[in-house]
Amino acid sequence: MNTVHRVAVYCGSAAGCRPEFAEATRATAQAMVSRGVDLVYGGGRLGCMGIIADSVLASGGRVYGVIPKALVNLEVAHNGVTELHTVETMHERKAKMTDLADAFLALPGGIGTLDELFEAWSWNALGYHKKPLCLLNVGGFWNGMIQFMDHATANGFLSDNRRSQLLVATTPEEALDLLDEAAAAATQGMVW
């Protein structure tokens, strides 16, 4: 039985320039639905965000979008999701996504994806939640950031324990397995 029932997926509002990004996004949706894991995401209909929402919905899964009012006004909201939560600010968006999710998964994306991932990790460090986070390293997309996190650790700015919290997977199935294991460990009071 899964410990993780809802995963917040952070990903690009663009599809990127390599077909494998969209393919991995669709595969992530399939893996989630096959395990009965709901999607929490940024509520948009564009890029990888739209791909993952549409793919989860097409496979019979549930999708919970959280989008700031300003983006709704720009007509980028996905109105076909299971539930769409409209909030005032980006900060409220991230807080609501954290409340709705049991774990966090970052697919390829840009500054918004990084912002969401690092805020989730920071909130974990501050004790606001004990929810795990993972990178889906599609085609080596996250290699540079992984190296930088290792560099920050080697230079004393990130503890070994904190660094180990950034899980890394190369397939959606591996990512969901890692998140589930880490969430189970956290509920038992273990450090993951």
N, C-alpha and C. Protein backbone atom coordinates (compact mmCIF):
# COMPACT_ATOMS: atom_id res chain seq x y z
N MET A 1 0.84 -1.20 0.00
CA MET A 1 0.00 0.00 0.00
C MET A 1 0.88 1.25 0.00
N ASN A 2 0.51 2.22 -0.81
CA ASN A 2 1.28 3.45 -0.91
C ASN A 2 1.14 4.31 0.34
N THR A 3 2.24 4.91 0.75
CA THR A 3 2.22 5.94 1.78
C THR A 3 1.88 7.26 1.13
N VAL A 4 2.32 7.43 -0.11
CA VAL A 4 2.09 8.65 -0.87
C VAL A 4 0.83 8.48 -1.71
N HIS A 5 -0.15 9.36 -1.48
CA HIS A 5 -1.41 9.32 -2.23
C HIS A 5 -1.56 10.49 -3.20
N ARG A 6 -0.83 11.56 -2.93
CA ARG A 6 -0.83 12.73 -3.83
C ARG A 6 0.59 13.25 -3.95
N VAL A 7 1.01 13.46 -5.18
CA VAL A 7 2.34 14.00 -5.44
C VAL A 7 2.20 15.35 -6.12
N ALA A 8 2.90 16.35 -5.57
CA ALA A 8 3.00 17.64 -6.23
C ALA A 8 4.12 17.51 -7.26
N VAL A 9 3.77 17.68 -8.52
CA VAL A 9 4.75 17.61 -9.59
C VAL A 9 5.06 19.03 -10.04
N TYR A 10 6.32 19.38 -9.95
CA TYR A 10 6.81 20.67 -10.43
C TYR A 10 7.42 20.42 -11.80
N CYS A 11 6.99 21.21 -12.79
CA CYS A 11 7.53 21.04 -14.14
C CYS A 11 7.30 22.31 -14.94
N GLY A 12 7.85 22.34 -16.12
CA GLY A 12 7.84 23.55 -16.93
C GLY A 12 6.49 23.91 -17.53
N SER A 13 6.27 25.21 -17.67
CA SER A 13 5.11 25.70 -18.41
C SER A 13 5.42 25.73 -19.90
N ALA A 14 6.64 25.29 -20.25
CA ALA A 14 7.03 25.04 -21.63
C ALA A 14 7.31 23.54 -21.74
N ALA A 15 7.34 23.02 -22.93
CA ALA A 15 7.59 21.59 -23.12
C ALA A 15 9.07 21.27 -23.27
N GLY A 16 9.92 22.30 -23.36
CA GLY A 16 11.34 22.08 -23.57
C GLY A 16 11.62 21.74 -25.02
N CYS A 17 12.89 21.60 -25.34
CA CYS A 17 13.27 21.40 -26.74
C CYS A 17 13.60 19.95 -27.08
N ARG A 18 13.51 19.05 -26.11
CA ARG A 18 13.80 17.64 -26.37
C ARG A 18 12.53 16.82 -26.16
N PRO A 19 12.16 15.98 -27.13
CA PRO A 19 10.94 15.18 -27.03
C PRO A 19 10.89 14.31 -25.77
N GLU A 20 12.05 13.90 -25.25
CA GLU A 20 12.06 13.03 -24.07
C GLU A 20 11.46 13.71 -22.84
N PHE A 21 11.42 15.04 -22.80
CA PHE A 21 10.81 15.72 -21.65
C PHE A 21 9.31 15.46 -21.62
N ALA A 22 8.65 15.63 -22.76
CA ALA A 22 7.20 15.37 -22.83
C ALA A 22 6.93 13.88 -22.63
N GLU A 23 7.79 13.02 -23.19
CA GLU A 23 7.61 11.58 -23.02
C GLU A 23 7.70 11.18 -21.55
N ALA A 24 8.68 11.73 -20.84
CA ALA A 24 8.84 11.43 -19.41
C ALA A 24 7.67 11.97 -18.60
N THR A 25 7.13 13.11 -19.03
CA THR A 25 5.98 13.69 -18.35
C THR A 25 4.77 12.77 -18.49
N ARG A 26 4.54 12.28 -19.69
CA ARG A 26 3.43 11.33 -19.92
C ARG A 26 3.66 10.03 -19.14
N ALA A 27 4.88 9.55 -19.12
CA ALA A 27 5.21 8.32 -18.38
C ALA A 27 5.00 8.51 -16.88
N THR A 28 5.30 9.68 -16.39
CA THR A 28 5.07 9.98 -14.97
C THR A 28 3.59 9.93 -14.66
N ALA A 29 2.79 10.50 -15.53
CA ALA A 29 1.33 10.46 -15.35
C ALA A 29 0.84 9.02 -15.31
N GLN A 30 1.31 8.20 -16.25
CA GLN A 30 0.90 6.80 -16.30
C GLN A 30 1.29 6.05 -15.03
N ALA A 31 2.52 6.27 -14.57
CA ALA A 31 3.00 5.60 -13.36
C ALA A 31 2.17 6.02 -12.15
N MET A 32 1.83 7.29 -12.08
CA MET A 32 1.04 7.78 -10.95
C MET A 32 -0.35 7.14 -10.95
N VAL A 33 -1.01 7.19 -12.08
CA VAL A 33 -2.38 6.66 -12.17
C VAL A 33 -2.39 5.15 -11.91
N SER A 34 -1.39 4.44 -12.40
CA SER A 34 -1.35 2.98 -12.19
C SER A 34 -1.22 2.63 -10.71
N ARG A 35 -0.69 3.55 -9.91
CA ARG A 35 -0.54 3.33 -8.47
C ARG A 35 -1.65 3.99 -7.65
N GLY A 36 -2.57 4.67 -8.32
CA GLY A 36 -3.63 5.37 -7.61
C GLY A 36 -3.15 6.63 -6.93
N VAL A 37 -2.10 7.25 -7.47
CA VAL A 37 -1.54 8.48 -6.90
C VAL A 37 -2.11 9.68 -7.65
N ASP A 38 -2.70 10.60 -6.93
CA ASP A 38 -3.27 11.81 -7.52
C ASP A 38 -2.18 12.85 -7.81
N LEU A 39 -2.47 13.71 -8.77
CA LEU A 39 -1.57 14.79 -9.15
C LEU A 39 -1.99 16.10 -8.50
N VAL A 40 -1.01 16.76 -7.89
CA VAL A 40 -1.14 18.15 -7.46
C VAL A 40 -0.14 18.91 -8.32
N TYR A 41 -0.58 20.01 -8.93
CA TYR A 41 0.34 20.75 -9.81
C TYR A 41 -0.11 22.20 -9.89
N GLY A 42 0.60 22.98 -10.68
CA GLY A 42 0.40 24.42 -10.73
C GLY A 42 -0.82 24.93 -11.45
N GLY A 43 -1.68 24.07 -11.95
CA GLY A 43 -2.96 24.49 -12.49
C GLY A 43 -2.96 25.02 -13.90
N GLY A 44 -1.83 24.96 -14.60
CA GLY A 44 -1.77 25.50 -15.96
C GLY A 44 -2.09 24.47 -17.02
N ARG A 45 -2.31 24.96 -18.24
CA ARG A 45 -2.65 24.09 -19.36
C ARG A 45 -1.54 24.06 -20.41
N LEU A 46 -0.44 24.79 -20.17
CA LEU A 46 0.63 24.90 -21.15
C LEU A 46 1.82 24.01 -20.81
N GLY A 47 2.60 23.65 -21.81
CA GLY A 47 3.85 22.95 -21.61
C GLY A 47 3.71 21.62 -20.90
N CYS A 48 4.75 21.27 -20.16
CA CYS A 48 4.72 20.00 -19.42
C CYS A 48 3.64 20.00 -18.36
N MET A 49 3.29 21.18 -17.85
CA MET A 49 2.19 21.26 -16.87
C MET A 49 0.89 20.76 -17.51
N GLY A 50 0.60 21.23 -18.68
CA GLY A 50 -0.61 20.79 -19.38
C GLY A 50 -0.53 19.32 -19.76
N ILE A 51 0.65 18.89 -20.18
CA ILE A 51 0.82 17.49 -20.58
C ILE A 51 0.54 16.55 -19.42
N ILE A 52 1.09 16.86 -18.25
CA ILE A 52 0.89 15.93 -17.14
C ILE A 52 -0.55 15.93 -16.68
N ALA A 53 -1.18 17.10 -16.63
CA ALA A 53 -2.59 17.15 -16.22
C ALA A 53 -3.47 16.39 -17.20
N ASP A 54 -3.29 16.66 -18.49
CA ASP A 54 -4.09 15.98 -19.51
C ASP A 54 -3.87 14.47 -19.49
N SER A 55 -2.62 14.05 -19.30
CA SER A 55 -2.30 12.62 -19.29
C SER A 55 -2.90 11.90 -18.09
N VAL A 56 -2.84 12.53 -16.93
CA VAL A 56 -3.45 11.92 -15.73
C VAL A 56 -4.97 11.82 -15.93
N LEU A 57 -5.58 12.88 -16.41
CA LEU A 57 -7.03 12.88 -16.63
C LEU A 57 -7.44 11.83 -17.67
N ALA A 58 -6.68 11.74 -18.76
CA ALA A 58 -7.00 10.79 -19.82
C ALA A 58 -6.91 9.34 -19.35
N SER A 59 -6.09 9.12 -18.32
CA SER A 59 -5.93 7.76 -17.77
C SER A 59 -6.87 7.49 -16.60
N GLY A 60 -7.77 8.44 -16.32
CA GLY A 60 -8.75 8.24 -15.26
C GLY A 60 -8.31 8.69 -13.88
N GLY A 61 -7.20 9.42 -13.79
CA GLY A 61 -6.71 9.90 -12.50
C GLY A 61 -7.32 11.23 -12.09
N ARG A 62 -6.99 11.64 -10.87
CA ARG A 62 -7.48 12.91 -10.33
C ARG A 62 -6.37 13.94 -10.33
N VAL A 63 -6.75 15.19 -10.66
CA VAL A 63 -5.80 16.29 -10.79
C VAL A 63 -6.29 17.48 -9.98
N TYR A 64 -5.40 17.96 -9.10
CA TYR A 64 -5.70 19.12 -8.26
C TYR A 64 -4.74 20.23 -8.64
N GLY A 65 -5.28 21.26 -9.28
CA GLY A 65 -4.47 22.38 -9.72
C GLY A 65 -4.57 23.54 -8.75
N VAL A 66 -3.47 24.27 -8.61
CA VAL A 66 -3.44 25.46 -7.76
C VAL A 66 -2.79 26.57 -8.58
N ILE A 67 -3.54 27.64 -8.83
CA ILE A 67 -3.04 28.68 -9.73
C ILE A 67 -3.34 30.06 -9.17
N PRO A 68 -2.40 30.98 -9.29
CA PRO A 68 -2.66 32.37 -8.87
C PRO A 68 -3.66 33.04 -9.80
N LYS A 69 -4.44 33.93 -9.22
CA LYS A 69 -5.48 34.65 -9.97
C LYS A 69 -4.91 35.35 -11.20
N ALA A 70 -3.70 35.91 -11.08
CA ALA A 70 -3.11 36.62 -12.22
C ALA A 70 -2.94 35.72 -13.43
N LEU A 71 -2.61 34.44 -13.20
CA LEU A 71 -2.45 33.51 -14.32
C LEU A 71 -3.80 33.07 -14.88
N VAL A 72 -4.81 33.02 -14.03
CA VAL A 72 -6.17 32.73 -14.51
C VAL A 72 -6.59 33.85 -15.46
N ASN A 73 -6.30 35.08 -15.05
CA ASN A 73 -6.66 36.24 -15.88
C ASN A 73 -5.92 36.25 -17.21
N LEU A 74 -4.73 35.62 -17.27
CA LEU A 74 -3.98 35.52 -18.53
C LEU A 74 -4.44 34.32 -19.36
N GLU A 75 -5.47 33.63 -18.87
CA GLU A 75 -6.10 32.52 -19.58
C GLU A 75 -5.16 31.33 -19.79
N VAL A 76 -4.35 31.02 -18.79
CA VAL A 76 -3.50 29.84 -18.87
C VAL A 76 -3.97 28.73 -17.93
N ALA A 77 -5.06 28.97 -17.20
CA ALA A 77 -5.57 27.96 -16.27
C ALA A 77 -6.17 26.77 -17.02
N HIS A 78 -6.01 25.59 -16.45
CA HIS A 78 -6.59 24.36 -17.00
C HIS A 78 -7.95 24.18 -16.31
N ASN A 79 -9.01 24.41 -17.03
CA ASN A 79 -10.35 24.35 -16.44
C ASN A 79 -10.97 22.96 -16.43
N GLY A 80 -10.23 21.97 -16.93
CA GLY A 80 -10.78 20.62 -16.98
C GLY A 80 -10.29 19.70 -15.88
N VAL A 81 -9.58 20.24 -14.88
CA VAL A 81 -9.03 19.39 -13.82
C VAL A 81 -10.11 19.03 -12.80
N THR A 82 -9.80 18.06 -11.94
CA THR A 82 -10.73 17.59 -10.93
C THR A 82 -11.14 18.72 -10.00
N GLU A 83 -10.13 19.45 -9.50
CA GLU A 83 -10.36 20.64 -8.67
C GLU A 83 -9.32 21.68 -9.05
N LEU A 84 -9.76 22.91 -9.25
CA LEU A 84 -8.85 24.01 -9.51
C LEU A 84 -8.99 25.02 -8.38
N HIS A 85 -7.92 25.21 -7.64
CA HIS A 85 -7.89 26.17 -6.54
C HIS A 85 -7.25 27.45 -7.04
N THR A 86 -7.97 28.55 -6.95
CA THR A 86 -7.42 29.84 -7.35
C THR A 86 -7.02 30.59 -6.10
N VAL A 87 -5.77 31.06 -6.07
CA VAL A 87 -5.23 31.78 -4.92
C VAL A 87 -4.74 33.15 -5.37
N GLU A 88 -4.42 33.99 -4.42
CA GLU A 88 -4.00 35.36 -4.75
C GLU A 88 -2.54 35.46 -5.19
N THR A 89 -1.65 34.73 -4.52
CA THR A 89 -0.21 34.93 -4.75
C THR A 89 0.51 33.61 -5.03
N MET A 90 1.74 33.72 -5.53
CA MET A 90 2.57 32.55 -5.74
C MET A 90 2.89 31.88 -4.40
N HIS A 91 3.10 32.69 -3.37
CA HIS A 91 3.38 32.11 -2.05
C HIS A 91 2.19 31.25 -1.59
N GLU A 92 0.98 31.75 -1.77
CA GLU A 92 -0.21 30.97 -1.41
C GLU A 92 -0.30 29.71 -2.26
N ARG A 93 0.09 29.80 -3.51
CA ARG A 93 0.07 28.63 -4.39
C ARG A 93 0.96 27.53 -3.83
N LYS A 94 2.20 27.90 -3.48
CA LYS A 94 3.14 26.90 -2.98
C LYS A 94 2.67 26.32 -1.64
N ALA A 95 2.11 27.16 -0.80
CA ALA A 95 1.61 26.67 0.50
C ALA A 95 0.44 25.70 0.29
N LYS A 96 -0.46 26.02 -0.61
CA LYS A 96 -1.61 25.15 -0.88
C LYS A 96 -1.15 23.82 -1.49
N MET A 97 -0.21 23.88 -2.42
CA MET A 97 0.31 22.65 -3.02
C MET A 97 0.97 21.77 -1.96
N THR A 98 1.69 22.40 -1.04
CA THR A 98 2.33 21.65 0.04
C THR A 98 1.28 21.00 0.93
N ASP A 99 0.21 21.73 1.23
CA ASP A 99 -0.87 21.17 2.05
C ASP A 99 -1.54 19.98 1.36
N LEU A 100 -1.73 20.06 0.05
CA LEU A 100 -2.44 19.03 -0.69
C LEU A 100 -1.62 17.77 -0.95
N ALA A 101 -0.29 17.90 -0.97
CA ALA A 101 0.58 16.81 -1.41
C ALA A 101 1.21 16.05 -0.24
N ASP A 102 1.57 14.80 -0.54
CA ASP A 102 2.33 13.96 0.40
C ASP A 102 3.82 13.94 0.06
N ALA A 103 4.16 14.36 -1.15
CA ALA A 103 5.54 14.32 -1.63
C ALA A 103 5.67 15.25 -2.83
N PHE A 104 6.92 15.50 -3.23
CA PHE A 104 7.20 16.44 -4.32
C PHE A 104 8.13 15.79 -5.34
N LEU A 105 7.82 16.00 -6.61
CA LEU A 105 8.62 15.47 -7.71
C LEU A 105 8.88 16.58 -8.71
N ALA A 106 10.16 16.81 -9.01
CA ALA A 106 10.53 17.84 -9.98
C ALA A 106 10.94 17.19 -11.29
N LEU A 107 10.19 17.50 -12.34
CA LEU A 107 10.54 17.14 -13.70
C LEU A 107 11.31 18.31 -14.30
N PRO A 108 11.85 18.18 -15.50
CA PRO A 108 12.54 19.32 -16.10
C PRO A 108 11.66 20.58 -16.13
N GLY A 109 12.30 21.68 -15.84
CA GLY A 109 11.60 22.97 -15.82
C GLY A 109 12.60 24.09 -15.61
N GLY A 110 12.07 25.30 -15.46
CA GLY A 110 12.91 26.48 -15.31
C GLY A 110 12.86 27.07 -13.92
N ILE A 111 12.85 28.41 -13.85
CA ILE A 111 12.96 29.07 -12.55
C ILE A 111 11.77 28.80 -11.65
N GLY A 112 10.57 28.66 -12.22
CA GLY A 112 9.41 28.35 -11.39
C GLY A 112 9.54 26.98 -10.75
N THR A 113 10.00 26.01 -11.52
CA THR A 113 10.21 24.66 -11.00
C THR A 113 11.26 24.68 -9.89
N LEU A 114 12.35 25.39 -10.12
CA LEU A 114 13.40 25.50 -9.10
C LEU A 114 12.89 26.19 -7.85
N ASP A 115 12.14 27.27 -8.03
CA ASP A 115 11.58 28.00 -6.89
C ASP A 115 10.70 27.09 -6.04
N GLU A 116 9.82 26.35 -6.69
CA GLU A 116 8.92 25.46 -5.96
C GLU A 116 9.68 24.35 -5.25
N LEU A 117 10.63 23.74 -5.94
CA LEU A 117 11.42 22.67 -5.35
C LEU A 117 12.21 23.15 -4.15
N PHE A 118 12.91 24.26 -4.29
CA PHE A 118 13.74 24.75 -3.19
C PHE A 118 12.91 25.25 -2.02
N GLU A 119 11.75 25.80 -2.29
CA GLU A 119 10.90 26.21 -1.16
C GLU A 119 10.40 24.98 -0.40
N ALA A 120 10.00 23.93 -1.12
CA ALA A 120 9.57 22.70 -0.45
C ALA A 120 10.71 22.13 0.38
N TRP A 121 11.91 22.14 -0.16
CA TRP A 121 13.08 21.62 0.56
C TRP A 121 13.40 22.49 1.77
N SER A 122 13.33 23.81 1.60
CA SER A 122 13.59 24.73 2.71
C SER A 122 12.56 24.56 3.83
N TRP A 123 11.30 24.40 3.45
CA TRP A 123 10.26 24.22 4.47
C TRP A 123 10.48 22.91 5.22
N ASN A 124 10.98 21.90 4.52
CA ASN A 124 11.32 20.65 5.20
C ASN A 124 12.44 20.90 6.19
N ALA A 125 13.47 21.62 5.77
CA ALA A 125 14.61 21.92 6.63
C ALA A 125 14.19 22.69 7.88
N LEU A 126 13.19 23.54 7.73
CA LEU A 126 12.71 24.34 8.86
C LEU A 126 11.69 23.60 9.73
N GLY A 127 11.34 22.39 9.32
CA GLY A 127 10.42 21.59 10.11
C GLY A 127 8.94 21.86 9.86
N TYR A 128 8.61 22.58 8.78
CA TYR A 128 7.20 22.85 8.47
C TYR A 128 6.49 21.61 7.94
N HIS A 129 7.25 20.68 7.38
CA HIS A 129 6.69 19.41 6.94
C HIS A 129 7.82 18.38 6.88
N LYS A 130 7.44 17.11 6.73
CA LYS A 130 8.42 16.03 6.61
C LYS A 130 8.22 15.27 5.30
N LYS A 131 7.80 15.97 4.28
CA LYS A 131 7.47 15.35 3.00
C LYS A 131 8.70 15.25 2.11
N PRO A 132 8.89 14.09 1.47
CA PRO A 132 10.08 13.89 0.65
C PRO A 132 10.00 14.58 -0.71
N LEU A 133 11.18 14.74 -1.31
CA LEU A 133 11.26 15.37 -2.63
C LEU A 133 12.26 14.63 -3.50
N CYS A 134 11.99 14.63 -4.78
CA CYS A 134 12.80 13.86 -5.72
C CYS A 134 12.91 14.60 -7.05
N LEU A 135 14.05 14.44 -7.69
CA LEU A 135 14.25 14.91 -9.05
C LEU A 135 14.07 13.74 -9.99
N LEU A 136 13.33 13.93 -11.08
CA LEU A 136 13.31 12.95 -12.15
C LEU A 136 14.33 13.44 -13.18
N ASN A 137 15.47 12.79 -13.20
CA ASN A 137 16.62 13.23 -13.99
C ASN A 137 16.52 12.70 -15.42
N VAL A 138 15.65 13.32 -16.18
CA VAL A 138 15.37 12.92 -17.56
C VAL A 138 16.56 13.28 -18.45
N GLY A 139 17.20 12.26 -19.01
CA GLY A 139 18.31 12.51 -19.93
C GLY A 139 19.42 13.36 -19.34
N GLY A 140 19.63 13.29 -18.04
CA GLY A 140 20.69 14.07 -17.39
C GLY A 140 20.35 15.53 -17.16
N PHE A 141 19.07 15.90 -17.32
CA PHE A 141 18.67 17.30 -17.19
C PHE A 141 19.16 17.93 -15.88
N TRP A 142 19.07 17.20 -14.77
CA TRP A 142 19.41 17.76 -13.46
C TRP A 142 20.86 17.55 -13.07
N ASN A 143 21.70 17.00 -13.92
CA ASN A 143 23.09 16.70 -13.55
C ASN A 143 23.84 17.90 -12.98
N GLY A 144 23.72 19.04 -13.63
CA GLY A 144 24.42 20.24 -13.16
C GLY A 144 23.98 20.66 -11.77
N MET A 145 22.68 20.58 -11.50
CA MET A 145 22.21 20.97 -10.17
C MET A 145 22.64 19.95 -9.12
N ILE A 146 22.61 18.67 -9.46
CA ILE A 146 23.08 17.63 -8.54
C ILE A 146 24.54 17.88 -8.19
N GLN A 147 25.35 18.20 -9.19
CA GLN A 147 26.77 18.49 -8.95
C GLN A 147 26.91 19.73 -8.06
N PHE A 148 26.08 20.73 -8.29
CA PHE A 148 26.16 21.92 -7.45
C PHE A 148 25.78 21.61 -6.01
N MET A 149 24.76 20.80 -5.80
CA MET A 149 24.38 20.43 -4.42
C MET A 149 25.52 19.66 -3.74
N ASP A 150 26.21 18.81 -4.50
CA ASP A 150 27.38 18.11 -3.96
C ASP A 150 28.49 19.12 -3.63
N HIS A 151 28.67 20.10 -4.49
CA HIS A 151 29.67 21.17 -4.27
C HIS A 151 29.32 21.96 -3.01
N ALA A 152 28.05 22.32 -2.83
CA ALA A 152 27.63 23.07 -1.64
C ALA A 152 27.85 22.24 -0.38
N THR A 153 27.63 20.94 -0.48
CA THR A 153 27.86 20.04 0.66
C THR A 153 29.34 19.97 0.99
N ALA A 154 30.17 19.77 -0.05
CA ALA A 154 31.62 19.67 0.15
C ALA A 154 32.20 20.94 0.75
N ASN A 155 31.54 22.08 0.50
CA ASN A 155 32.03 23.36 1.01
C ASN A 155 31.36 23.78 2.32
N GLY A 156 30.60 22.87 2.93
CA GLY A 156 30.07 23.11 4.26
C GLY A 156 28.80 23.94 4.33
N PHE A 157 28.11 24.14 3.21
CA PHE A 157 26.87 24.91 3.23
C PHE A 157 25.62 24.04 3.26
N LEU A 158 25.79 22.75 3.12
CA LEU A 158 24.68 21.81 3.13
C LEU A 158 25.18 20.57 3.86
N SER A 159 24.45 20.15 4.89
CA SER A 159 24.88 18.96 5.63
C SER A 159 24.69 17.71 4.77
N ASP A 160 25.40 16.66 5.11
CA ASP A 160 25.24 15.39 4.40
C ASP A 160 23.80 14.90 4.50
N ASN A 161 23.21 15.07 5.69
CA ASN A 161 21.82 14.64 5.89
C ASN A 161 20.87 15.43 5.00
N ARG A 162 21.04 16.74 4.96
CA ARG A 162 20.16 17.58 4.13
C ARG A 162 20.36 17.23 2.66
N ARG A 163 21.61 17.05 2.24
CA ARG A 163 21.88 16.70 0.84
C ARG A 163 21.22 15.38 0.46
N SER A 164 21.21 14.43 1.39
CA SER A 164 20.64 13.11 1.09
C SER A 164 19.12 13.17 0.91
N GLN A 165 18.50 14.26 1.35
CA GLN A 165 17.05 14.40 1.17
C GLN A 165 16.65 14.63 -0.28
N LEU A 166 17.57 15.13 -1.08
CA LEU A 166 17.26 15.37 -2.49
C LEU A 166 17.44 14.05 -3.24
N LEU A 167 16.34 13.31 -3.32
CA LEU A 167 16.35 12.02 -3.99
C LEU A 167 16.44 12.23 -5.50
N VAL A 168 17.06 11.28 -6.19
CA VAL A 168 17.23 11.39 -7.64
C VAL A 168 16.84 10.05 -8.27
N ALA A 169 15.99 10.12 -9.28
CA ALA A 169 15.54 8.93 -10.00
C ALA A 169 15.69 9.16 -11.49
N THR A 170 15.79 8.06 -12.23
CA THR A 170 15.88 8.17 -13.69
C THR A 170 14.62 7.69 -14.39
N THR A 171 13.70 7.07 -13.64
CA THR A 171 12.40 6.67 -14.20
C THR A 171 11.29 7.12 -13.26
N PRO A 172 10.09 7.31 -13.78
CA PRO A 172 8.98 7.67 -12.91
C PRO A 172 8.70 6.61 -11.83
N GLU A 173 8.82 5.35 -12.20
CA GLU A 173 8.57 4.28 -11.23
C GLU A 173 9.57 4.33 -10.09
N GLU A 174 10.84 4.55 -10.42
CA GLU A 174 11.87 4.68 -9.38
C GLU A 174 11.58 5.88 -8.50
N ALA A 175 11.18 7.00 -9.10
CA ALA A 175 10.87 8.20 -8.32
C ALA A 175 9.74 7.92 -7.33
N LEU A 176 8.68 7.29 -7.80
CA LEU A 176 7.55 7.00 -6.91
C LEU A 176 7.93 6.02 -5.81
N ASP A 177 8.78 5.05 -6.14
CA ASP A 177 9.28 4.12 -5.12
C ASP A 177 10.08 4.86 -4.06
N LEU A 178 11.01 5.72 -4.49
CA LEU A 178 11.84 6.47 -3.55
C LEU A 178 11.00 7.38 -2.66
N LEU A 179 10.03 8.07 -3.27
CA LEU A 179 9.17 8.96 -2.48
C LEU A 179 8.35 8.18 -1.47
N ASP A 180 7.83 7.03 -1.90
CA ASP A 180 7.02 6.22 -0.99
C ASP A 180 7.86 5.71 0.18
N GLU A 181 9.05 5.23 -0.10
CA GLU A 181 9.95 4.75 0.96
C GLU A 181 10.31 5.86 1.93
N ALA A 182 10.63 7.04 1.40
CA ALA A 182 11.01 8.16 2.26
C ALA A 182 9.83 8.65 3.09
N ALA A 183 8.64 8.67 2.49
CA ALA A 183 7.45 9.10 3.24
C ALA A 183 7.14 8.11 4.36
N ALA A 184 7.28 6.81 4.07
CA ALA A 184 7.05 5.79 5.10
C ALA A 184 8.05 5.96 6.24
N ALA A 185 9.31 6.20 5.91
CA ALA A 185 10.33 6.40 6.93
C ALA A 185 10.03 7.63 7.78
N ALA A 186 9.58 8.71 7.14
CA ALA A 186 9.26 9.93 7.87
C ALA A 186 8.09 9.73 8.83
N THR A 187 7.09 8.94 8.43
CA THR A 187 5.95 8.71 9.33
C THR A 187 6.34 7.85 10.52
N GLN A 188 7.45 7.11 10.39
CA GLN A 188 7.94 6.29 11.50
C GLN A 188 9.00 7.03 12.32
N GLY A 189 9.19 8.32 12.01
CA GLY A 189 10.13 9.14 12.75
C GLY A 189 11.59 8.94 12.35
N MET A 190 11.80 8.22 11.27
CA MET A 190 13.16 7.99 10.81
C MET A 190 13.63 9.16 9.95
N VAL A 191 14.92 9.39 9.95
CA VAL A 191 15.49 10.42 9.07
C VAL A 191 15.68 9.80 7.70
N TRP A 192 15.24 10.46 6.68
CA TRP A 192 15.41 9.93 5.33
C TRP A 192 16.36 10.81 4.56
